[in-house]
C-alpha atoms as a PDB file:
ATOM      1  CA  UNK A   1     -20.430  26.444  16.968  1.00  0.00           C
ATOM      2  CA  UNK A   2     -17.443  27.299  15.648  1.00  0.00           C
ATOM      3  CA  UNK A   3     -16.661  30.508  13.984  1.00  0.00           C
ATOM      4  CA  UNK A   4     -15.805  28.246  10.604  1.00  0.00           C
ATOM      5  CA  UNK A   5     -16.342  28.651   6.534  1.00  0.00           C
ATOM      6  CA  UNK A   6     -18.671  25.358   6.270  1.00  0.00           C
ATOM      7  CA  UNK A   7     -18.687  23.519   3.200  1.00  0.00           C
ATOM      8  CA  UNK A   8     -22.987  22.425   2.957  1.00  0.00           C
ATOM      9  CA  UNK A   9     -23.500  19.637   0.520  1.00  0.00           C
ATOM     10  CA  UNK A  10     -27.356  20.454  -0.935  1.00  0.00           C
ATOM     11  CA  UNK A  11     -29.495  17.115  -2.307  1.00  0.00           C
ATOM     12  CA  UNK A  12     -28.267  15.988  -6.124  1.00  0.00           C
ATOM     13  CA  UNK A  13     -32.165  16.539  -7.122  1.00  0.00           C
ATOM     14  CA  UNK A  14     -35.595  16.614  -5.450  1.00  0.00           C
ATOM     15  CA  UNK A  15     -34.856  14.147  -2.917  1.00  0.00           C
ATOM     16  CA  UNK A  16     -35.990  14.901   0.348  1.00  0.00           C
ATOM     17  CA  UNK A  17     -33.595  16.398   2.244  1.00  0.00           C
ATOM     18  CA  UNK A  18     -33.934  13.431   5.086  1.00  0.00           C
ATOM     19  CA  UNK A  19     -32.761  10.909   3.508  1.00  0.00           C
ATOM     20  CA  UNK A  20     -29.147  12.327   1.959  1.00  0.00           C
ATOM     21  CA  UNK A  21     -28.181  14.873   4.814  1.00  0.00           C
ATOM     22  CA  UNK A  22     -27.547  14.476   8.753  1.00  0.00           C
ATOM     23  CA  UNK A  23     -29.765  16.644  11.096  1.00  0.00           C
ATOM     24  CA  UNK A  24     -26.936  17.936  12.242  1.00  0.00           C
ATOM     25  CA  UNK A  25     -25.984  20.255   9.086  1.00  0.00           C
ATOM     26  CA  UNK A  26     -29.776  21.526   9.696  1.00  0.00           C
ATOM     27  CA  UNK A  27     -28.508  23.039  13.533  1.00  0.00           C
ATOM     28  CA  UNK A  28     -25.533  24.044  12.117  1.00  0.00           C
ATOM     29  CA  UNK A  29     -27.340  25.919   8.830  1.00  0.00           C
ATOM     30  CA  UNK A  30     -30.141  27.407  10.713  1.00  0.00           C
ATOM     31  CA  UNK A  31     -27.123  29.396  12.679  1.00  0.00           C
ATOM     32  CA  UNK A  32     -25.355  30.828   9.462  1.00  0.00           C
ATOM     33  CA  UNK A  33     -25.830  34.241   8.395  1.00  0.00           C
ATOM     34  CA  UNK A  34     -23.469  34.621   5.768  1.00  0.00           C
ATOM     35  CA  UNK A  35     -23.297  32.646   2.658  1.00  0.00           C
ATOM     36  CA  UNK A  36     -20.997  32.350  -0.672  1.00  0.00           C
ATOM     37  CA  UNK A  37     -23.224  30.320  -3.117  1.00  0.00           C
ATOM     38  CA  UNK A  38     -23.268  29.304  -6.951  1.00  0.00           C
ATOM     39  CA  UNK A  39     -26.617  30.522  -7.657  1.00  0.00           C
ATOM     40  CA  UNK A  40     -28.391  32.724  -4.882  1.00  0.00           C
ATOM     41  CA  UNK A  41     -31.791  31.577  -5.821  1.00  0.00           C
ATOM     42  CA  UNK A  42     -31.677  27.519  -5.828  1.00  0.00           C
ATOM     43  CA  UNK A  43     -29.525  28.584  -2.494  1.00  0.00           C
ATOM     44  CA  UNK A  44     -32.591  30.204  -1.158  1.00  0.00           C
ATOM     45  CA  UNK A  45     -34.924  27.266  -2.255  1.00  0.00           C
ATOM     46  CA  UNK A  46     -32.447  24.844  -0.670  1.00  0.00           C
ATOM     47  CA  UNK A  47     -32.572  26.957   2.942  1.00  0.00           C
ATOM     48  CA  UNK A  48     -36.141  26.992   2.646  1.00  0.00           C
ATOM     49  CA  UNK A  49     -36.042  23.456   2.064  1.00  0.00           C
ATOM     50  CA  UNK A  50     -33.568  22.913   5.226  1.00  0.00           C
ATOM     51  CA  UNK A  51     -36.299  25.013   7.440  1.00  0.00           C
ATOM     52  CA  UNK A  52     -39.471  26.885   5.937  1.00  0.00           C
ATOM     53  CA  UNK A  53     -38.983  29.280   8.970  1.00  0.00           C
ATOM     54  CA  UNK A  54     -35.754  30.680   8.366  1.00  0.00           C
ATOM     55  CA  UNK A  55     -35.919  34.259   7.226  1.00  0.00           C
ATOM     56  CA  UNK A  56     -34.354  34.604   4.123  1.00  0.00           C
ATOM     57  CA  UNK A  57     -34.229  38.335   4.276  1.00  0.00           C
ATOM     58  CA  UNK A  58     -31.539  38.677   7.346  1.00  0.00           C
ATOM     59  CA  UNK A  59     -29.020  36.434   5.030  1.00  0.00           C
ATOM     60  CA  UNK A  60     -26.229  37.636   3.388  1.00  0.00           C
ATOM     61  CA  UNK A  61     -25.396  36.379   0.177  1.00  0.00           C
ATOM     62  CA  UNK A  62     -22.110  36.333  -1.898  1.00  0.00           C
ATOM     63  CA  UNK A  63     -21.968  34.940  -5.463  1.00  0.00           C
ATOM     64  CA  UNK A  64     -19.382  32.293  -6.795  1.00  0.00           C
ATOM     65  CA  UNK A  65     -18.609  31.222 -10.079  1.00  0.00           C
ATOM     66  CA  UNK A  66     -15.638  30.766 -12.384  1.00  0.00           C
ATOM     67  CA  UNK A  67     -15.126  34.124 -12.931  1.00  0.00           C
ATOM     68  CA  UNK A  68     -14.965  35.006  -9.584  1.00  0.00           C
ATOM     69  CA  UNK A  69     -11.308  36.044  -8.701  1.00  0.00           C
ATOM     70  CA  UNK A  70      -9.084  35.408  -5.815  1.00  0.00           C
ATOM     71  CA  UNK A  71      -9.208  39.329  -4.431  1.00  0.00           C
ATOM     72  CA  UNK A  72     -12.844  38.800  -4.644  1.00  0.00           C
ATOM     73  CA  UNK A  73     -13.342  35.777  -2.771  1.00  0.00           C
ATOM     74  CA  UNK A  74     -10.879  37.231  -0.291  1.00  0.00           C
ATOM     75  CA  UNK A  75     -13.346  39.970   0.604  1.00  0.00           C
ATOM     76  CA  UNK A  76     -16.383  37.328   1.030  1.00  0.00           C
ATOM     77  CA  UNK A  77     -14.238  35.834   3.671  1.00  0.00           C
ATOM     78  CA  UNK A  78     -14.229  39.706   5.964  1.00  0.00           C
ATOM     79  CA  UNK A  79     -17.458  38.210   7.865  1.00  0.00           C
ATOM     80  CA  UNK A  80     -15.457  35.334   9.159  1.00  0.00           C
ATOM     81  CA  UNK A  81     -12.314  36.801   9.656  1.00  0.00           C
ATOM     82  CA  UNK A  82     -14.530  39.271  11.846  1.00  0.00           C
ATOM     83  CA  UNK A  83     -16.203  36.093  14.046  1.00  0.00           C
ATOM     84  CA  UNK A  84     -19.098  35.410  12.258  1.00  0.00           C
ATOM     85  CA  UNK A  85     -19.548  31.699  10.396  1.00  0.00           C
ATOM     86  CA  UNK A  86     -20.087  31.119   6.547  1.00  0.00           C
ATOM     87  CA  UNK A  87     -21.648  28.993   4.678  1.00  0.00           C
ATOM     88  CA  UNK A  88     -20.952  27.488   1.264  1.00  0.00           C
ATOM     89  CA  UNK A  89     -23.717  26.203  -1.088  1.00  0.00           C
ATOM     90  CA  UNK A  90     -23.071  24.425  -4.220  1.00  0.00           C
ATOM     91  CA  UNK A  91     -25.415  24.135  -7.061  1.00  0.00           C
ATOM     92  CA  UNK A  92     -25.456  20.046  -6.547  1.00  0.00           C
ATOM     93  CA  UNK A  93     -23.729  17.546  -4.025  1.00  0.00           C
ATOM     94  CA  UNK A  94     -20.808  18.869  -2.543  1.00  0.00           C
ATOM     95  CA  UNK A  95     -19.198  22.055  -2.264  1.00  0.00           C
ATOM     96  CA  UNK A  96     -15.657  22.555  -3.640  1.00  0.00           C
ATOM     97  CA  UNK A  97     -15.666  18.883  -5.428  1.00  0.00           C
ATOM     98  CA  UNK A  98     -15.828  19.835  -9.222  1.00  0.00           C
ATOM     99  CA  UNK A  99     -16.645  23.247  -8.500  1.00  0.00           C
ATOM    100  CA  UNK A 100     -15.611  26.766  -7.965  1.00  0.00           C
ATOM    101  CA  UNK A 101     -16.491  26.228  -4.568  1.00  0.00           C
ATOM    102  CA  UNK A 102     -12.778  25.380  -4.048  1.00  0.00           C
ATOM    103  CA  UNK A 103     -11.331  28.906  -4.597  1.00  0.00           C
ATOM    104  CA  UNK A 104     -12.838  30.004  -2.192  1.00  0.00           C
ATOM    105  CA  UNK A 105     -11.774  27.427   0.537  1.00  0.00           C
ATOM    106  CA  UNK A 106      -7.718  27.800  -1.214  1.00  0.00           C
ATOM    107  CA  UNK A 107      -8.165  31.204  -0.084  1.00  0.00           C
ATOM    108  CA  UNK A 108      -9.501  30.390   3.504  1.00  0.00           C
ATOM    109  CA  UNK A 109      -6.555  27.706   3.900  1.00  0.00           C
ATOM    110  CA  UNK A 110      -3.837  30.794   2.953  1.00  0.00           C
ATOM    111  CA  UNK A 111      -5.475  32.986   5.477  1.00  0.00           C
ATOM    112  CA  UNK A 112      -5.502  29.905   8.043  1.00  0.00           C
ATOM    113  CA  UNK A 113      -8.932  30.154   8.588  1.00  0.00           C
ATOM    114  CA  UNK A 114     -11.281  27.249  10.124  1.00  0.00           C
ATOM    115  CA  UNK A 115     -12.580  25.173   7.472  1.00  0.00           C
ATOM    116  CA  UNK A 116     -15.248  22.556   8.051  1.00  0.00           C
ATOM    117  CA  UNK A 117     -16.558  19.909   5.345  1.00  0.00           C
ATOM    118  CA  UNK A 118     -20.238  18.363   6.125  1.00  0.00           C
ATOM    119  CA  UNK A 119     -21.657  15.026   5.553  1.00  0.00           C
ATOM    120  CA  UNK A 120     -23.308  14.823   2.285  1.00  0.00           C
ATOM    121  CA  UNK A 121     -23.986  13.232  -0.943  1.00  0.00           C
ATOM    122  CA  UNK A 122     -21.521  13.268  -3.721  1.00  0.00           C
ATOM    123  CA  UNK A 123     -22.532  11.952  -6.931  1.00  0.00           C
ATOM    124  CA  UNK A 124     -18.360  11.343  -7.815  1.00  0.00           C
ATOM    125  CA  UNK A 125     -18.135   8.743  -4.726  1.00  0.00           C
ATOM    126  CA  UNK A 126     -21.571   7.531  -4.943  1.00  0.00           C
ATOM    127  CA  UNK A 127     -20.777   6.121  -8.413  1.00  0.00           C
ATOM    128  CA  UNK A 128     -17.294   4.811  -7.428  1.00  0.00           C
ATOM    129  CA  UNK A 129     -19.127   2.886  -4.888  1.00  0.00           C
ATOM    130  CA  UNK A 130     -22.123   1.441  -6.987  1.00  0.00           C
ATOM    131  CA  UNK A 131     -19.892   0.559 -10.273  1.00  0.00           C
ATOM    132  CA  UNK A 132     -17.501  -2.435  -8.899  1.00  0.00           C
ATOM    133  CA  UNK A 133     -14.683  -0.557  -9.862  1.00  0.00           C
ATOM    134  CA  UNK A 134     -11.077   0.277  -8.441  1.00  0.00           C
ATOM    135  CA  UNK A 135     -12.091   2.072  -5.333  1.00  0.00           C
ATOM    136  CA  UNK A 136      -8.404   2.378  -4.731  1.00  0.00           C
ATOM    137  CA  UNK A 137      -7.466   4.905  -7.967  1.00  0.00           C
ATOM    138  CA  UNK A 138      -9.671   6.560  -9.418  1.00  0.00           C
ATOM    139  CA  UNK A 139     -10.001   9.848 -11.347  1.00  0.00           C
ATOM    140  CA  UNK A 140     -12.568  12.310 -12.121  1.00  0.00           C
ATOM    141  CA  UNK A 141     -11.889  13.899 -15.580  1.00  0.00           C
ATOM    142  CA  UNK A 142     -14.989  16.018 -15.726  1.00  0.00           C
ATOM    143  CA  UNK A 143     -16.056  17.149 -19.036  1.00  0.00           C
ATOM    144  CA  UNK A 144     -14.518  15.638 -22.149  1.00  0.00           C
ATOM    145  CA  UNK A 145     -13.371  17.681 -25.563  1.00  0.00           C
ATOM    146  CA  UNK A 146     -17.097  18.319 -27.381  1.00  0.00           C
ATOM    147  CA  UNK A 147     -15.338  18.055 -30.762  1.00  0.00           C
ATOM    148  CA  UNK A 148     -15.615  14.710 -32.245  1.00  0.00           C
ATOM    149  CA  UNK A 149     -12.387  13.679 -32.581  1.00  0.00           C
ATOM    150  CA  UNK A 150     -10.811  15.308 -30.025  1.00  0.00           C
ATOM    151  CA  UNK A 151     -13.536  13.175 -27.742  1.00  0.00           C
ATOM    152  CA  UNK A 152     -12.735  10.337 -29.204  1.00  0.00           C
ATOM    153  CA  UNK A 153      -9.347  10.541 -28.855  1.00  0.00           C
ATOM    154  CA  UNK A 154      -9.418  11.513 -24.811  1.00  0.00           C
ATOM    155  CA  UNK A 155     -11.891   8.250 -24.350  1.00  0.00           C
ATOM    156  CA  UNK A 156      -8.949   6.164 -26.169  1.00  0.00           C
ATOM    157  CA  UNK A 157      -6.533   8.190 -24.002  1.00  0.00           C
ATOM    158  CA  UNK A 158      -8.438   7.241 -20.791  1.00  0.00           C
ATOM    159  CA  UNK A 159      -9.161   3.819 -21.317  1.00  0.00           C
ATOM    160  CA  UNK A 160      -5.895   3.586 -22.031  1.00  0.00           C
ATOM    161  CA  UNK A 161      -5.341   4.751 -18.391  1.00  0.00           C
ATOM    162  CA  UNK A 162      -7.903   2.312 -16.882  1.00  0.00           C
ATOM    163  CA  UNK A 163      -5.899  -1.032 -18.134  1.00  0.00           C
ATOM    164  CA  UNK A 164      -2.039   0.329 -18.007  1.00  0.00           C
ATOM    165  CA  UNK A 165      -2.560   1.778 -14.397  1.00  0.00           C
ATOM    166  CA  UNK A 166      -5.305  -0.230 -13.045  1.00  0.00           C
ATOM    167  CA  UNK A 167      -7.335   3.369 -12.125  1.00  0.00           C
ATOM    168  CA  UNK A 168     -11.495   3.561 -12.708  1.00  0.00           C
ATOM    169  CA  UNK A 169     -11.652   6.943 -14.847  1.00  0.00           C
ATOM    170  CA  UNK A 170     -14.821   9.016 -14.544  1.00  0.00           C
ATOM    171  CA  UNK A 171     -16.239  11.492 -16.614  1.00  0.00           C
ATOM    172  CA  UNK A 172     -19.418  13.253 -16.937  1.00  0.00           C
ATOM    173  CA  UNK A 173     -21.096  15.299 -19.995  1.00  0.00           C
ATOM    174  CA  UNK A 174     -23.835  17.922 -20.102  1.00  0.00           C
ATOM    175  CA  UNK A 175     -27.389  15.900 -19.904  1.00  0.00           C
ATOM    176  CA  UNK A 176     -29.213  16.605 -23.270  1.00  0.00           C
ATOM    177  CA  UNK A 177     -25.493  15.270 -24.947  1.00  0.00           C
ATOM    178  CA  UNK A 178     -25.693  11.991 -22.587  1.00  0.00           C
ATOM    179  CA  UNK A 179     -26.714   9.712 -25.114  1.00  0.00           C
ATOM    180  CA  UNK A 180     -24.051  11.079 -27.966  1.00  0.00           C
ATOM    181  CA  UNK A 181     -21.640  10.176 -25.008  1.00  0.00           C
ATOM    182  CA  UNK A 182     -22.913   6.843 -24.782  1.00  0.00           C
ATOM    183  CA  UNK A 183     -22.793   6.086 -28.634  1.00  0.00           C
ATOM    184  CA  UNK A 184     -19.469   7.464 -28.576  1.00  0.00           C
ATOM    185  CA  UNK A 185     -18.282   4.947 -26.018  1.00  0.00           C
ATOM    186  CA  UNK A 186     -20.188   2.167 -27.499  1.00  0.00           C
ATOM    187  CA  UNK A 187     -18.066   2.546 -30.800  1.00  0.00           C
ATOM    188  CA  UNK A 188     -14.981   3.211 -29.563  1.00  0.00           C
ATOM    189  CA  UNK A 189     -13.602   1.078 -26.520  1.00  0.00           C
ATOM    190  CA  UNK A 190     -12.445  -2.149 -26.740  1.00  0.00           C
ATOM    191  CA  UNK A 191     -15.929  -4.870 -26.297  1.00  0.00           C
ATOM    192  CA  UNK A 192     -13.999  -6.455 -22.878  1.00  0.00           C
ATOM    193  CA  UNK A 193     -14.178  -2.718 -21.450  1.00  0.00           C
ATOM    194  CA  UNK A 194     -16.695  -2.360 -18.161  1.00  0.00           C
ATOM    195  CA  UNK A 195     -18.797   0.607 -18.388  1.00  0.00           C
ATOM    196  CA  UNK A 196     -20.923   2.082 -15.652  1.00  0.00           C
ATOM    197  CA  UNK A 197     -23.679   4.451 -16.451  1.00  0.00           C
ATOM    198  CA  UNK A 198     -24.906   6.324 -12.872  1.00  0.00           C
ATOM    199  CA  UNK A 199     -27.786   8.460 -13.388  1.00  0.00           C
ATOM    200  CA  UNK A 200     -29.841  10.430 -10.980  1.00  0.00           C
ATOM    201  CA  UNK A 201     -28.093   9.341  -8.010  1.00  0.00           C
ATOM    202  CA  UNK A 202     -30.041   9.479  -4.514  1.00  0.00           C
ATOM    203  CA  UNK A 203     -33.226  10.541  -6.717  1.00  0.00           C
ATOM    204  CA  UNK A 204     -35.903   8.360  -7.328  1.00  0.00           C
ATOM    205  CA  UNK A 205     -35.111   7.934 -10.972  1.00  0.00           C
ATOM    206  CA  UNK A 206     -31.504   6.641  -9.944  1.00  0.00           C
ATOM    207  CA  UNK A 207     -29.811   3.904 -12.231  1.00  0.00           C
ATOM    208  CA  UNK A 208     -26.699   2.705 -11.820  1.00  0.00           C
ATOM    209  CA  UNK A 209     -25.574  -0.512 -14.354  1.00  0.00           C
ATOM    210  CA  UNK A 210     -22.363  -2.136 -15.117  1.00  0.00           C
ATOM    211  CA  UNK A 211     -21.687  -4.133 -18.079  1.00  0.00           C
ATOM    212  CA  UNK A 212     -19.340  -4.455 -20.955  1.00  0.00           C
ATOM    213  CA  UNK A 213     -19.543  -2.734 -24.104  1.00  0.00           C
ATOM    214  CA  UNK A 214     -20.350  -5.350 -25.627  1.00  0.00           C
ATOM    215  CA  UNK A 215     -23.254  -6.431 -23.132  1.00  0.00           C
ATOM    216  CA  UNK A 216     -24.174  -2.683 -23.748  1.00  0.00           C
ATOM    217  CA  UNK A 217     -24.460  -3.014 -27.133  1.00  0.00           C
ATOM    218  CA  UNK A 218     -27.482  -5.451 -26.597  1.00  0.00           C
ATOM    219  CA  UNK A 219     -28.896  -3.852 -23.954  1.00  0.00           C
ATOM    220  CA  UNK A 220     -32.425  -1.263 -24.595  1.00  0.00           C
ATOM    221  CA  UNK A 221     -30.254   2.026 -23.502  1.00  0.00           C
ATOM    222  CA  UNK A 222     -32.304   3.715 -20.481  1.00  0.00           C
ATOM    223  CA  UNK A 223     -33.563   7.402 -21.233  1.00  0.00           C
ATOM    224  CA  UNK A 224     -30.314   9.506 -20.161  1.00  0.00           C
ATOM    225  CA  UNK A 225     -31.807  12.623 -22.080  1.00  0.00           C
ATOM    226  CA  UNK A 226     -32.350  15.115 -18.578  1.00  0.00           C
ATOM    227  CA  UNK A 227     -30.795  13.566 -15.929  1.00  0.00           C
ATOM    228  CA  UNK A 228     -27.099  14.322 -14.473  1.00  0.00           C
ATOM    229  CA  UNK A 229     -25.481  11.147 -15.271  1.00  0.00           C
ATOM    230  CA  UNK A 230     -21.386  10.283 -14.602  1.00  0.00           C
ATOM    231  CA  UNK A 231     -19.979   7.526 -16.900  1.00  0.00           C
ATOM    232  CA  UNK A 232     -17.225   5.327 -15.678  1.00  0.00           C
ATOM    233  CA  UNK A 233     -14.640   3.374 -17.272  1.00  0.00           C
ATOM    234  CA  UNK A 234     -12.527   0.346 -16.051  1.00  0.00           C
ATOM    235  CA  UNK A 235     -10.772  -2.499 -17.512  1.00  0.00           C
ATOM    236  CA  UNK A 236     -12.421  -5.797 -18.632  1.00  0.00           C
END
């Protein structure tokens, strides 16, 4: 195994690891003693799912979040500079994609340290795959504004980009606000605009459906209130 910064994907929910992660990931994880993580508790839980025989007490965890500055991130990489592999673990999916892990990767690249992204599920990529929308040009826009007027304005901007730039637009919402987001999309977007709801990807409750806004208004809506969901819009 190389001494590198390994970006270690995790499951997107309570999914069997063997269903979404290659066995090679386990081989790598078993050899790593230093981890940079978004949440120590969930990282420990994930590692035990990978291998129940992993001795958690022998591992060192460094906490990263949006408040961790570059200097602290740099200090986390000291074991790597001393010849030890380090793993990066996010809360869900792939580290460094819509995730604070990107900051530690940026520091590693500036220091010319080896960075190895591992294979695993990305809800962003998988939602595009399942939508039937343009996979050549798409943009992930993260969270939209909470304030209603600003959110409406932003949705209209993204819809315009979908038409004028022939580009798929992706965004997310806090699960308990998913239905408000859906209601806003049905109220704001053109009837011909296509909307894909990609929810619970890779999990038992997986729901990926695409319809026009006009069609969605006639459909009994799926319960999205507690499920991580990506919304995608594209021109009709």
